[in-house]
């Protein structure tokens, strides 16, 4: 009987070990297959430029990559970058030129961009032709309304010098964002600084004839800057590289869907905006696609990437009016390891 009990005990022990191993494997598999949570921060309230993200979410593209993505908004690129640096958000959409300035801080986390959404910066000065403005040089002695937080003004000195304009001869008036379009509409200033897809569309919506508006895009006058880009928390990128790659793939699918169905994309964006207007967002979206996303460089090199030499030149332009402690390189700002091969990023 003693031998029988010993054998039974050994069998029971072996079975227990096997059962524990199977349970551990099942738990491990469940954890492996669990969606990765991503808190994504936009640097401003929703508008049409975010349509690709919203459409990717609606179409289940993030879920297909085993990602659980939630969206929130910050009050500007500096705040969004701070959230990513702290780890409060894993990824964010920010102005890449603010990232360049952010990285110059002594204690700055090594945050990098992994996907460029706007291949050209949306900086522009929107003016009225009836006030004698047709070209950038016509701003001489003109009054331009500008808000304190306007990112376009960070590159204005370099743009002015590049185009032979004396910056001191343009009269900038500080205004609040709430009155930017109304004061131009009312003729209190000759032009306003801002984003091309926001101010120009807002002015047309306020009844200013389109034929009386001229959009002086910085990109048309030699500004090399890229625009909005997705940045990632460095610790998250190191721990979850596949999640970052999956996010990029889902976003590219959202861009492709937006290009194919701009009306549906604009409707999805408008649904996330208080009192959103689908037609107004569609007009913005068409401007964004034509001017900032589907550029010649993107058609040549594919979505999401940068040309390192151009990014270096854009950093040099920032340096004309920003004193770097240690000038960052293109490699400090952009990490292309999370992008698919070029063949998978080309868009028709």
Foldseek 3Di string as FASTA:
>chain_A
DVVVVVVVVVVVVVVVVVVVVVVVVVVVVCVVLAAAEFEEEEAPAFFLLCLLVLQLVVVCLLVVLSHDYDYDYHPAQVVRQVCQQVVVGFKYKHWLVVVQVQVLDPPRALKAFAFFQFQAAQKWKKFFVVVVDDAPQSQFQFEEEEEPPAPSVLLVVLLCVLVVHDVVRHHYDYDHPVCRLVCRLVVVGGIYIHGPLPNLLVNVVVPDDNVGMDIHGSVVRDQLGGTITMIGRVVCCVVCVSSLLSVVVSSLVSVQVCVVCVLVSLVSSQVSDVNRDSVSSSSSNVCSCVNTHPDPVCQVQFGTDHDQVSVQVNLVSSVVNDPRPDRDGSVSHYDHPSYDHSVVGHHD
